[in-house]
Amino acid sequence: MPNTIKLRDEAFAKAARLAGYGSDYALAKAMDVNRSTVTRVLSGDLQPGPAFIGGALVALAPMQFHDLFEVVRGEQ
């Protein structure tokens, strides 16, 4: 199984709240992704992809990758 990226749910939600994003729509607009993408990643139905990760790092600056995401090692 390959390595994957997992969202740090609580840290992400706190950063979005502190940045003033009051809805998934506002956050998605700032991240330049669809609202449904934000909703699906937050619910765990979708793994964060490059557009989501890049958008999150831009919209939630100065947060860094390791603040919002973690690498989950696949089984060897």
C-alpha atoms as a PDB file:
ATOM      1  CA  MET A   1       0.000   0.000   0.000  1.00  0.00           C
ATOM      2  CA  PRO A   2       1.466   3.415  -0.934  1.00  0.00           C
ATOM      3  CA  ASN A   3       2.016   6.293   1.451  1.00  0.00           C
ATOM      4  CA  THR A   4      -0.907   8.733   1.687  1.00  0.00           C
ATOM      5  CA  ILE A   5      -1.644  12.199   3.002  1.00  0.00           C
ATOM      6  CA  LYS A   6      -4.157  12.613   5.830  1.00  0.00           C
ATOM      7  CA  LEU A   7      -5.791  15.837   6.942  1.00  0.00           C
ATOM      8  CA  ARG A   8      -5.214  16.861  10.558  1.00  0.00           C
ATOM      9  CA  ASP A   9      -8.933  17.511  11.089  1.00  0.00           C
ATOM     10  CA  GLU A  10      -8.851  19.528  14.303  1.00  0.00           C
ATOM     11  CA  ALA A  11      -5.872  21.671  13.300  1.00  0.00           C
ATOM     12  CA  PHE A  12      -7.413  22.362   9.893  1.00  0.00           C
ATOM     13  CA  ALA A  13     -10.801  23.336  11.372  1.00  0.00           C
ATOM     14  CA  LYS A  14      -9.155  25.602  13.945  1.00  0.00           C
ATOM     15  CA  ALA A  15      -6.972  27.295  11.323  1.00  0.00           C
ATOM     16  CA  ALA A  16      -9.981  27.876   9.050  1.00  0.00           C
ATOM     17  CA  ARG A  17     -12.001  29.310  11.917  1.00  0.00           C
ATOM     18  CA  LEU A  18      -9.157  31.607  13.046  1.00  0.00           C
ATOM     19  CA  ALA A  19      -8.668  32.765   9.443  1.00  0.00           C
ATOM     20  CA  GLY A  20     -12.317  33.887   9.424  1.00  0.00           C
ATOM     21  CA  TYR A  21     -13.819  31.314   7.063  1.00  0.00           C
ATOM     22  CA  GLY A  22     -17.319  30.777   8.400  1.00  0.00           C
ATOM     23  CA  SER A  23     -18.444  28.210   5.864  1.00  0.00           C
ATOM     24  CA  ASP A  24     -17.148  25.474   3.586  1.00  0.00           C
ATOM     25  CA  TYR A  25     -18.135  27.688   0.656  1.00  0.00           C
ATOM     26  CA  ALA A  26     -15.989  30.627   1.836  1.00  0.00           C
ATOM     27  CA  LEU A  27     -13.054  28.334   2.529  1.00  0.00           C
ATOM     28  CA  ALA A  28     -13.412  26.564  -0.824  1.00  0.00           C
ATOM     29  CA  LYS A  29     -13.504  29.890  -2.647  1.00  0.00           C
ATOM     30  CA  ALA A  30     -10.294  31.000  -0.913  1.00  0.00           C
ATOM     31  CA  MET A  31      -8.692  27.637  -1.706  1.00  0.00           C
ATOM     32  CA  ASP A  32      -9.888  27.766  -5.352  1.00  0.00           C
ATOM     33  CA  VAL A  33     -11.531  24.328  -5.120  1.00  0.00           C
ATOM     34  CA  ASN A  34     -15.159  23.185  -5.228  1.00  0.00           C
ATOM     35  CA  ARG A  35     -17.161  23.349  -2.018  1.00  0.00           C
ATOM     36  CA  SER A  36     -17.965  19.673  -2.416  1.00  0.00           C
ATOM     37  CA  THR A  37     -14.242  18.898  -2.384  1.00  0.00           C
ATOM     38  CA  VAL A  38     -13.831  20.651   0.967  1.00  0.00           C
ATOM     39  CA  THR A  39     -16.903  18.921   2.374  1.00  0.00           C
ATOM     40  CA  ARG A  40     -15.785  15.475   1.166  1.00  0.00           C
ATOM     41  CA  VAL A  41     -12.227  15.845   2.492  1.00  0.00           C
ATOM     42  CA  LEU A  42     -13.493  17.112   5.863  1.00  0.00           C
ATOM     43  CA  SER A  43     -15.910  14.182   6.142  1.00  0.00           C
ATOM     44  CA  GLY A  44     -13.187  11.669   5.250  1.00  0.00           C
ATOM     45  CA  ASP A  45     -14.871  10.566   2.023  1.00  0.00           C
ATOM     46  CA  LEU A  46     -12.002  11.926  -0.087  1.00  0.00           C
ATOM     47  CA  GLN A  47      -8.249  12.054   0.457  1.00  0.00           C
ATOM     48  CA  PRO A  48      -6.707  15.521   0.040  1.00  0.00           C
ATOM     49  CA  GLY A  49      -5.149  15.893  -3.386  1.00  0.00           C
ATOM     50  CA  PRO A  50      -2.638  18.407  -4.749  1.00  0.00           C
ATOM     51  CA  ALA A  51      -5.206  21.157  -5.453  1.00  0.00           C
ATOM     52  CA  PHE A  52      -6.709  20.822  -1.956  1.00  0.00           C
ATOM     53  CA  ILE A  53      -3.295  20.798  -0.252  1.00  0.00           C
ATOM     54  CA  GLY A  54      -1.994  23.744  -2.262  1.00  0.00           C
ATOM     55  CA  GLY A  55      -5.195  25.696  -1.745  1.00  0.00           C
ATOM     56  CA  ALA A  56      -5.159  25.052   1.985  1.00  0.00           C
ATOM     57  CA  LEU A  57      -1.565  26.232   2.308  1.00  0.00           C
ATOM     58  CA  VAL A  58      -2.387  29.456   0.452  1.00  0.00           C
ATOM     59  CA  ALA A  59      -5.716  30.157   2.184  1.00  0.00           C
ATOM     60  CA  LEU A  60      -4.493  29.247   5.659  1.00  0.00           C
ATOM     61  CA  ALA A  61      -1.024  30.838   5.525  1.00  0.00           C
ATOM     62  CA  PRO A  62       1.148  31.004   7.580  1.00  0.00           C
ATOM     63  CA  MET A  63       0.206  27.403   8.415  1.00  0.00           C
ATOM     64  CA  GLN A  64       2.677  24.895   6.985  1.00  0.00           C
ATOM     65  CA  PHE A  65       2.142  21.446   5.475  1.00  0.00           C
ATOM     66  CA  HIS A  66       3.037  19.612   8.682  1.00  0.00           C
ATOM     67  CA  ASP A  67       0.547  21.763  10.645  1.00  0.00           C
ATOM     68  CA  LEU A  68      -2.417  20.701   8.498  1.00  0.00           C
ATOM     69  CA  PHE A  69      -1.472  17.302   7.068  1.00  0.00           C
ATOM     70  CA  GLU A  70       0.398  14.159   7.985  1.00  0.00           C
ATOM     71  CA  VAL A  71       1.999  11.474   5.875  1.00  0.00           C
ATOM     72  CA  VAL A  72       0.611   8.028   6.636  1.00  0.00           C
ATOM     73  CA  ARG A  73       3.070   5.319   5.741  1.00  0.00           C
ATOM     74  CA  GLY A  74       1.771   2.433   3.692  1.00  0.00           C
ATOM     75  CA  GLU A  75       2.424  -1.146   4.648  1.00  0.00           C
ATOM     76  CA  GLN A  76       5.689  -2.468   3.278  1.00  0.00           C
END
